[in-house]
Amino acid sequence: MATIQISVDDSMKAAADSLFASLGLDTSTAVRMFIVAALENDGIPFAVIRNSDRKPNAELREAMEDIRLGCNLHGQFCNAEEAVRSLLED
């Protein structure tokens, strides 16, 4: 078995340990889960984007609203609440 060592700030380690403990995991197990997910996805298992405080431009906001409004097309719902409401209306 191989060992991987990484260096992180003490406060980051403490916060990660606390978070993972609240999920019933230790940090080593959480890191192993990340590696397994990366291998299964053949890449980083989440979107890697720049952290930006910019708000979506008008075109993106409009597209997002179109998607939100279109969720109910073809029997799809935006959330469980909408699905239950549609069942109760029938």
Protein backbone atom coordinates (compact mmCIF):
# COMPACT_ATOMS: atom_id res chain seq x y z
CA MET A 1 0.00 0.00 0.00
CA ALA A 2 1.30 3.46 -0.92
CA THR A 3 1.18 6.61 1.22
CA ILE A 4 0.29 10.05 -0.10
CA GLN A 5 1.32 13.08 1.93
CA ILE A 6 0.01 16.59 1.34
CA SER A 7 0.59 19.83 3.19
CA VAL A 8 -2.31 22.08 4.13
CA ASP A 9 -2.78 24.92 6.56
CA ASP A 10 -3.52 23.77 10.13
CA SER A 11 -6.92 25.49 10.17
CA MET A 12 -7.85 23.90 6.83
CA LYS A 13 -6.94 20.45 8.18
CA ALA A 14 -8.99 21.02 11.33
CA ALA A 15 -11.98 22.24 9.31
CA ALA A 16 -11.73 19.27 6.92
CA ASP A 17 -11.41 16.82 9.81
CA SER A 18 -14.49 18.33 11.44
CA LEU A 19 -16.52 18.31 8.22
CA PHE A 20 -15.64 14.74 7.34
CA ALA A 21 -16.25 13.56 10.92
CA SER A 22 -19.74 15.08 10.73
CA LEU A 23 -20.26 12.88 7.66
CA GLY A 24 -19.01 9.79 9.47
CA LEU A 25 -15.66 9.76 7.67
CA ASP A 26 -12.06 10.43 8.52
CA THR A 27 -10.01 12.66 6.24
CA SER A 28 -8.02 9.78 4.78
CA THR A 29 -11.22 8.00 3.74
CA ALA A 30 -12.58 11.22 2.18
CA VAL A 31 -9.39 11.66 0.16
CA ARG A 32 -9.55 8.02 -0.96
CA MET A 33 -13.17 8.61 -2.03
CA PHE A 34 -12.02 11.59 -4.10
CA ILE A 35 -9.34 9.49 -5.81
CA VAL A 36 -11.79 6.66 -6.55
CA ALA A 37 -14.33 9.14 -7.98
CA ALA A 38 -11.61 10.76 -10.12
CA LEU A 39 -10.60 7.38 -11.52
CA GLU A 40 -14.23 6.41 -12.19
CA ASN A 41 -14.85 9.74 -13.95
CA ASP A 42 -11.50 9.69 -15.74
CA GLY A 43 -10.94 13.23 -14.44
CA ILE A 44 -11.73 15.60 -11.61
CA PRO A 45 -15.16 14.53 -10.28
CA PHE A 46 -16.49 18.09 -10.10
CA ALA A 47 -16.37 21.22 -12.22
CA VAL A 48 -13.11 23.13 -12.01
CA ILE A 49 -13.91 26.79 -12.53
CA ARG A 50 -12.43 30.12 -11.57
CA ASN A 51 -13.91 31.58 -8.42
CA SER A 52 -15.60 34.73 -9.63
CA ASP A 53 -17.86 37.25 -7.99
CA ARG A 54 -19.23 38.22 -11.38
CA LYS A 55 -22.95 37.83 -11.82
CA PRO A 56 -24.31 36.05 -14.90
CA ASN A 57 -24.81 38.40 -17.83
CA ALA A 58 -28.29 39.07 -19.19
CA GLU A 59 -27.99 36.39 -21.89
CA LEU A 60 -27.00 33.74 -19.36
CA ARG A 61 -29.76 34.80 -16.95
CA GLU A 62 -32.29 34.50 -19.77
CA ALA A 63 -31.02 31.04 -20.73
CA MET A 64 -31.17 29.93 -17.10
CA GLU A 65 -34.77 31.19 -16.84
CA ASP A 66 -35.69 29.39 -20.08
CA ILE A 67 -34.31 26.18 -18.65
CA ARG A 68 -36.18 26.72 -15.38
CA LEU A 69 -39.44 27.38 -17.21
CA GLY A 70 -38.89 24.45 -19.54
CA CYS A 71 -38.35 21.89 -16.82
CA ASN A 72 -41.96 20.81 -17.00
CA LEU A 73 -41.73 19.94 -20.69
CA HIS A 74 -41.94 16.26 -21.62
CA GLY A 75 -42.91 15.20 -18.09
CA GLN A 76 -39.81 16.67 -16.44
CA PHE A 77 -40.02 18.74 -13.30
CA CYS A 78 -37.63 21.28 -11.82
CA ASN A 79 -38.00 19.83 -8.32
CA ALA A 80 -39.91 17.27 -6.30
CA GLU A 81 -42.43 19.86 -5.15
CA GLU A 82 -43.55 20.46 -8.75
CA ALA A 83 -43.83 16.71 -9.39
CA VAL A 84 -46.01 16.17 -6.31
CA ARG A 85 -48.14 19.20 -7.17
CA SER A 86 -48.78 17.79 -10.65
CA LEU A 87 -49.91 14.49 -9.15
CA LEU A 88 -52.34 16.25 -6.81
CA GLU A 89 -53.81 18.35 -9.64
CA ASP A 90 -54.84 15.30 -11.71
